Amino acid sequence: MKVAIVKLSALGDIVHAMVALQFIKADSHSPEIQIDWIVEERFAEVLKNNPDIDNILTVNLKALKTNKAGIFAQLKKIRGYASNNYDLVIDAQGLIKSAATAKIIGKRIAGFDADSIREKAASWFYDIKVACAYDVNTIDRNALILSSPLGIDISTEQILNKKPFLFFNNEDPQIYDYLLKDRINIVLVIGSTWDSRNYPAAKFVKIAEALQQNCLVIWGSEQEKASAEWMAMQSDLIKVMPKLDLNSLKALIAKADLLIGNDTGPTHMAWGLNRPSITIFGPTPVSRVYQTDINKAVKSASIVNPYKLDKRDYSIKDIDEQEIIKQAKFLLSL
């Protein structure tokens, strides 16, 4: 059986969906299943080297926002994927653009029903419709949409006992210059897509000073880099990492003793690698993650409506750093 998964973005969402692959491939009813994954090219590297993915097929639909003429090249590319003759295409994104992509690629399409997604019109493209409330845990939703159309059940217990599913190869050797053998290595994720999701840089500095370990700050934009450099000026315990591609980022997180960060892709990668982590939440729901013995969450006092997130909710800035320090010390003591 040949299956294509359409999950274009974003980084954290892709990670949360990837967990299902190991259980699909291990299911006794689908040992010969071929799984291809259609993804935005800038996120393709997070999928690479995963033994449960047969082919990674890229698109660049994001670029169409600034280059409308590129639509013809993208359509040609997507139509080319249809020649693979998939038995089933699963749209795990639930957006009109992902549903349309799935429809071009295959004839039999699965996706969420209209009551389970924000862009309800996307469900018009689907032959198989899966019901799952939008406010259900994000990881559970992803596992369900990928497994249910295949007649496979993935339990909470299976996910809690998952194997690491992010893999790297030929990573940037520079990362090993920053990882110390005689100190605990802590990765700090200070950026995200909205400013209101970012924990204050000054409080990250206080956390570093309290823990007295080797703290490595990763960044993805010039603004984040500037913030990281400011943090390093405040504490000798903080070092700014060079810009890393996703392959080397996976390697760094895999080697770290702890990751502390905002609700964003690199933070969720720690969960995918089975590394200890603390995710800091403000205007987004804690139901986006699984909390485990080694993966903890700290949430601000604000009440979040998962159906309508409030980008003006800056309550993350009010979280006492002592709460995070306490959790960090606990995880480092395990």
Protein backbone atom coordinates (compact mmCIF):
# COMPACT_ATOMS: atom_id res chain seq x y z
CA MET A 1 0.00 0.00 0.00
CA LYS A 2 1.29 3.45 -0.94
CA VAL A 3 0.35 6.35 1.34
CA ALA A 4 1.21 10.03 1.08
CA ILE A 5 1.02 12.30 4.12
CA VAL A 6 0.47 16.00 3.52
CA LYS A 7 1.75 17.93 6.52
CA LEU A 8 3.39 21.04 5.13
CA SER A 9 4.25 22.98 8.28
CA ALA A 10 5.08 24.17 10.89
CA LEU A 11 8.09 22.63 12.60
CA GLY A 12 6.38 21.71 15.88
CA ASP A 13 3.29 20.38 14.10
CA ILE A 14 5.44 18.16 11.89
CA VAL A 15 7.26 16.78 14.94
CA HIS A 16 3.97 16.05 16.69
CA ALA A 17 2.70 14.16 13.65
CA MET A 18 5.89 12.15 13.12
CA VAL A 19 5.37 10.20 16.33
CA ALA A 20 2.66 8.12 14.62
CA LEU A 21 5.00 6.69 12.00
CA GLN A 22 6.76 4.14 14.19
CA PHE A 23 3.42 2.62 15.22
CA ILE A 24 2.01 2.56 11.70
CA LYS A 25 5.08 0.79 10.36
CA ALA A 26 5.08 -1.68 13.26
CA ASP A 27 1.40 -2.59 12.88
CA SER A 28 0.96 -6.20 11.81
CA HIS A 29 -1.64 -5.18 9.23
CA SER A 30 0.65 -2.77 7.39
CA PRO A 31 4.24 -4.09 7.37
CA GLU A 32 4.67 -3.40 3.66
CA ILE A 33 3.19 0.09 3.68
CA GLN A 34 5.11 2.81 1.81
CA ILE A 35 4.90 6.24 3.43
CA ASP A 36 5.85 9.39 1.54
CA TRP A 37 5.61 12.84 3.17
CA ILE A 38 4.82 16.11 1.36
CA VAL A 39 6.31 19.08 3.24
CA GLU A 40 7.40 22.68 2.76
CA GLU A 41 11.03 22.48 1.66
CA ARG A 42 12.32 24.61 4.53
CA PHE A 43 11.13 21.93 6.99
CA ALA A 44 12.21 18.86 5.00
CA GLU A 45 15.37 18.38 7.02
CA VAL A 46 13.46 17.56 10.19
CA LEU A 47 12.06 14.49 8.39
CA LYS A 48 15.37 13.32 6.94
CA ASN A 49 17.00 10.07 8.07
CA ASN A 50 13.75 8.79 9.59
CA PRO A 51 13.61 5.06 8.71
CA ASP A 52 9.80 5.08 8.69
CA ILE A 53 9.59 7.61 5.83
CA ASP A 54 10.26 6.21 2.37
CA ASN A 55 10.32 9.48 0.39
CA ILE A 56 10.28 13.16 1.33
CA LEU A 57 8.59 15.28 -1.34
CA THR A 58 8.90 19.05 -1.08
CA VAL A 59 6.81 22.03 -2.12
CA ASN A 60 7.38 25.75 -1.70
CA LEU A 61 3.88 27.13 -1.30
CA LYS A 62 5.06 29.63 1.31
CA ALA A 63 7.02 31.47 -1.39
CA LEU A 64 3.82 32.12 -3.34
CA LYS A 65 2.93 34.90 -0.91
CA THR A 66 5.70 37.01 -2.43
CA ASN A 67 6.02 35.32 -5.84
CA LYS A 68 2.57 34.70 -7.34
CA ALA A 69 4.08 33.67 -10.67
CA GLY A 70 5.62 30.66 -9.00
CA ILE A 71 2.23 28.97 -8.71
CA PHE A 72 2.60 27.29 -12.12
CA ALA A 73 5.93 25.70 -11.21
CA GLN A 74 4.48 24.49 -7.91
CA LEU A 75 1.40 23.03 -9.58
CA LYS A 76 3.59 21.19 -12.06
CA LYS A 77 5.70 19.81 -9.24
CA ILE A 78 2.67 18.65 -7.22
CA ARG A 79 1.05 17.08 -10.27
CA GLY A 80 4.27 15.18 -10.81
CA TYR A 81 3.82 13.54 -7.40
CA ALA A 82 0.46 12.16 -8.57
CA SER A 83 2.36 9.79 -10.87
CA ASN A 84 3.28 7.79 -7.77
CA ASN A 85 -0.30 6.43 -7.81
CA TYR A 86 -1.00 6.56 -4.09
CA ASP A 87 -3.68 4.31 -2.64
CA LEU A 88 -4.41 6.94 0.02
CA VAL A 89 -3.42 10.54 0.66
CA ILE A 90 -3.86 11.83 4.22
CA ASP A 91 -4.13 15.58 4.75
CA ALA A 92 -2.93 15.94 8.33
CA GLN A 93 -2.92 19.76 8.11
CA GLY A 94 -6.59 20.59 7.65
CA LEU A 95 -6.08 23.74 5.59
CA ILE A 96 -7.51 24.53 2.17
CA LYS A 97 -4.01 24.67 0.64
CA SER A 98 -3.05 21.29 2.10
CA ALA A 99 -6.38 19.74 1.13
CA ALA A 100 -6.01 21.02 -2.45
CA THR A 101 -2.46 19.66 -2.55
CA ALA A 102 -3.73 16.25 -1.39
CA LYS A 103 -6.49 16.28 -4.01
CA ILE A 104 -4.02 16.94 -6.82
CA ILE A 105 -1.75 14.13 -5.64
CA GLY A 106 -4.33 11.37 -5.13
CA LYS A 107 -7.85 10.17 -5.77
CA ARG A 108 -8.71 8.83 -2.31
CA ILE A 109 -8.21 11.52 0.34
CA ALA A 110 -8.56 11.41 4.13
CA GLY A 111 -8.73 14.35 6.51
CA PHE A 112 -10.56 15.89 9.44
CA ASP A 113 -14.30 16.54 9.19
CA ALA A 114 -15.63 20.11 9.06
CA ASP A 115 -16.22 20.31 12.81
CA SER A 116 -12.64 19.34 13.60
CA ILE A 117 -10.71 22.07 11.74
CA ARG A 118 -10.69 25.85 11.44
CA GLU A 119 -10.85 25.99 7.63
CA LYS A 120 -14.01 23.94 7.32
CA ALA A 121 -14.06 24.08 3.51
CA ALA A 122 -10.97 21.85 3.49
CA SER A 123 -13.19 18.89 4.44
CA TRP A 124 -14.98 19.15 1.07
CA PHE A 125 -11.90 17.58 -0.53
CA TYR A 126 -11.94 14.44 1.62
CA ASP A 127 -13.42 11.02 0.93
CA ILE A 128 -12.66 9.75 4.44
CA LYS A 129 -13.49 12.18 7.24
CA VAL A 130 -12.15 11.83 10.77
CA ALA A 131 -13.85 13.48 13.73
CA CYS A 132 -11.68 14.91 16.52
CA ALA A 133 -12.44 18.03 18.55
CA TYR A 134 -10.07 20.89 17.77
CA ASP A 135 -9.19 21.34 21.46
CA VAL A 136 -8.02 17.74 21.92
CA ASN A 137 -4.31 17.27 22.63
CA THR A 138 -2.38 18.17 19.47
CA ILE A 139 -0.27 15.02 19.52
CA ASP A 140 -3.35 12.82 19.91
CA ARG A 141 -5.03 14.62 17.01
CA ASN A 142 -2.05 14.03 14.77
CA ALA A 143 -1.80 10.37 15.75
CA LEU A 144 -5.51 9.90 15.06
CA ILE A 145 -5.58 11.52 11.63
CA LEU A 146 -2.61 9.46 10.45
CA SER A 147 -3.73 6.12 11.91
CA SER A 148 -7.54 6.07 11.74
CA PRO A 149 -7.83 6.07 7.91
CA LEU A 150 -5.50 3.04 7.93
CA GLY A 151 -7.59 1.16 10.50
CA ILE A 152 -4.84 1.41 13.13
CA ASP A 153 -5.26 2.44 16.77
CA ILE A 154 -2.46 4.30 18.57
CA SER A 155 -2.88 4.47 22.34
CA THR A 156 -1.70 7.06 24.84
CA GLU A 157 0.47 4.37 26.42
CA GLN A 158 2.22 3.74 23.10
CA ILE A 159 2.97 7.44 22.65
CA LEU A 160 4.27 7.74 26.22
CA ASN A 161 6.63 4.83 25.52
CA LYS A 162 7.67 6.00 22.06
CA LYS A 163 11.16 5.59 20.66
CA PRO A 164 13.02 8.77 19.66
CA PHE A 165 12.05 9.57 16.07
CA LEU A 166 14.26 12.45 14.98
CA PHE A 167 17.54 11.46 13.34
CA PHE A 168 20.64 13.34 12.22
CA ASN A 169 23.73 12.65 10.14
CA ASN A 170 26.92 14.63 9.39
CA GLU A 171 25.95 17.41 11.76
CA ASP A 172 27.99 20.61 12.05
CA PRO A 173 31.05 19.69 14.18
CA GLN A 174 30.97 23.19 15.70
CA ILE A 175 28.25 22.11 18.11
CA TYR A 176 30.76 19.96 19.99
CA ASP A 177 32.91 23.02 20.70
CA TYR A 178 29.98 24.39 22.72
CA LEU A 179 28.91 21.19 24.50
CA LEU A 180 31.04 20.78 27.62
CA LYS A 181 32.00 17.41 29.09
CA ASP A 182 32.49 18.68 32.64
CA ARG A 183 29.25 20.70 32.88
CA ILE A 184 25.57 20.10 32.38
CA ASN A 185 24.51 21.42 28.94
CA ILE A 186 21.21 23.29 28.75
CA VAL A 187 19.72 24.54 25.47
CA LEU A 188 17.61 27.71 25.69
CA VAL A 189 14.97 28.38 23.01
CA ILE A 190 14.18 32.08 23.27
CA GLY A 191 12.18 32.81 20.09
CA SER A 192 8.87 31.87 18.51
CA THR A 193 6.47 33.12 15.85
CA TRP A 194 4.81 35.76 18.08
CA ASP A 195 6.40 38.12 20.55
CA SER A 196 3.66 37.32 23.09
CA ARG A 197 4.84 33.68 23.15
CA ASN A 198 8.37 34.68 24.17
CA TYR A 199 9.54 34.40 27.76
CA PRO A 200 11.57 37.51 28.71
CA ALA A 201 15.29 37.34 27.94
CA ALA A 202 16.10 38.83 31.36
CA LYS A 203 14.31 35.95 33.06
CA PHE A 204 16.21 33.41 30.95
CA VAL A 205 19.39 35.06 32.29
CA LYS A 206 18.15 34.63 35.87
CA ILE A 207 17.45 30.95 35.15
CA ALA A 208 20.98 30.47 33.79
CA GLU A 209 22.52 32.18 36.81
CA ALA A 210 20.46 30.06 39.21
CA LEU A 211 21.38 26.78 37.52
CA GLN A 212 25.09 27.60 37.12
CA GLN A 213 25.51 25.34 34.10
CA ASN A 214 26.53 25.66 30.45
CA CYS A 215 23.58 27.40 28.76
CA LEU A 216 23.46 27.44 24.95
CA VAL A 217 21.08 29.81 23.21
CA ILE A 218 19.77 28.93 19.75
CA TRP A 219 18.24 31.48 17.41
CA GLY A 220 16.52 31.70 14.04
CA SER A 221 16.35 35.42 13.21
CA GLU A 222 18.57 38.46 13.56
CA GLN A 223 16.27 39.80 16.28
CA GLU A 224 16.62 36.56 18.24
CA LYS A 225 20.38 36.61 17.70
CA ALA A 226 20.57 40.14 19.11
CA SER A 227 18.59 39.05 22.15
CA ALA A 228 20.85 36.03 22.60
CA GLU A 229 23.95 38.22 22.41
CA TRP A 230 22.47 40.55 25.04
CA MET A 231 21.87 37.55 27.30
CA ALA A 232 25.48 36.41 26.85
CA MET A 233 26.68 39.85 27.91
CA GLN A 234 24.72 39.52 31.15
CA SER A 235 26.11 36.11 32.12
CA ASP A 236 29.33 34.19 31.47
CA LEU A 237 27.27 30.99 31.71
CA ILE A 238 25.42 31.80 28.48
CA LYS A 239 26.84 31.15 25.02
CA VAL A 240 25.27 32.05 21.68
CA MET A 241 25.22 29.16 19.24
CA PRO A 242 26.08 29.73 15.57
CA LYS A 243 23.13 29.51 13.19
CA LEU A 244 22.23 25.84 12.87
CA ASP A 245 20.35 23.97 10.19
CA LEU A 246 17.67 21.52 11.33
CA ASN A 247 20.00 18.54 11.06
CA SER A 248 22.56 20.08 13.42
CA LEU A 249 19.81 21.40 15.68
CA LYS A 250 18.55 17.83 16.12
CA ALA A 251 22.08 16.75 17.01
CA LEU A 252 22.54 19.55 19.55
CA ILE A 253 19.25 18.82 21.31
CA ALA A 254 19.96 15.08 21.31
CA LYS A 255 23.23 15.73 23.15
CA ALA A 256 21.82 18.25 25.65
CA ASP A 257 20.94 17.41 29.24
CA LEU A 258 17.93 19.75 29.30
CA LEU A 259 16.06 22.12 27.00
CA ILE A 260 14.08 25.10 28.27
CA GLY A 261 12.06 27.07 25.75
CA ASN A 262 8.94 28.72 24.47
CA ASP A 263 6.07 26.82 22.83
CA THR A 264 7.77 26.48 19.46
CA GLY A 265 9.25 23.88 17.11
CA PRO A 266 12.77 23.41 18.53
CA THR A 267 11.33 22.95 22.02
CA HIS A 268 9.03 20.18 20.78
CA MET A 269 12.01 18.51 19.12
CA ALA A 270 13.30 17.66 22.62
CA TRP A 271 10.14 15.59 23.18
CA GLY A 272 10.67 13.88 19.82
CA LEU A 273 14.23 13.01 20.88
CA ASN A 274 13.21 11.84 24.37
CA ARG A 275 15.31 14.56 25.99
CA PRO A 276 14.30 16.40 29.21
CA SER A 277 12.50 19.65 28.51
CA ILE A 278 10.45 22.47 30.00
CA THR A 279 8.00 24.21 27.65
CA ILE A 280 6.85 27.69 28.68
CA PHE A 281 3.28 28.60 27.70
CA GLY A 282 1.52 31.96 27.62
CA PRO A 283 -1.15 32.57 24.95
CA THR A 284 -1.16 28.98 23.68
CA PRO A 285 -2.75 25.89 25.29
CA VAL A 286 -0.77 23.33 27.29
CA SER A 287 -2.75 20.67 25.42
CA ARG A 288 -0.18 21.05 22.63
CA VAL A 289 2.24 18.76 24.45
CA TYR A 290 2.48 15.52 26.38
CA GLN A 291 3.77 16.03 29.90
CA THR A 292 5.90 13.10 30.99
CA ASP A 293 8.43 12.24 33.69
CA ILE A 294 11.05 14.21 31.74
CA ASN A 295 8.93 16.66 29.70
CA LYS A 296 7.30 19.38 31.78
CA ALA A 297 5.23 22.48 31.04
CA VAL A 298 4.87 25.78 32.84
CA LYS A 299 1.78 27.86 31.98
CA SER A 300 0.90 31.47 32.75
CA ALA A 301 -2.30 32.30 34.61
CA SER A 302 -4.23 33.33 31.49
CA ILE A 303 -7.11 31.21 30.20
CA VAL A 304 -6.59 30.22 26.58
CA ASN A 305 -9.34 29.62 24.03
CA PRO A 306 -7.78 27.03 21.66
CA TYR A 307 -10.31 27.98 18.97
CA LYS A 308 -9.21 31.62 18.99
CA LEU A 309 -5.74 32.37 20.29
CA ASP A 310 -5.09 35.90 21.54
CA LYS A 311 -1.79 37.28 20.25
CA ARG A 312 -2.21 40.21 22.67
CA ASP A 313 -1.93 37.87 25.67
CA TYR A 314 1.48 38.69 27.13
CA SER A 315 0.91 36.78 30.37
CA ILE A 316 3.99 34.62 29.72
CA LYS A 317 6.07 37.55 30.96
CA ASP A 318 4.47 37.20 34.41
CA ILE A 319 5.62 33.62 35.01
CA ASP A 320 8.00 33.56 37.98
CA GLU A 321 11.37 32.24 36.87
CA GLN A 322 11.61 30.39 40.20
CA GLU A 323 8.90 28.02 38.99
CA ILE A 324 11.04 27.11 35.96
CA ILE A 325 14.23 26.89 38.04
CA LYS A 326 12.51 24.46 40.41
CA GLN A 327 11.39 22.25 37.54
CA ALA A 328 14.84 22.39 35.95
CA LYS A 329 16.59 21.34 39.15
CA PHE A 330 14.17 18.45 39.52
CA LEU A 331 14.78 17.22 35.96
CA LEU A 332 18.55 17.56 36.33
CA SER A 333 18.43 15.49 39.51
CA LEU A 334 16.85 12.48 37.80
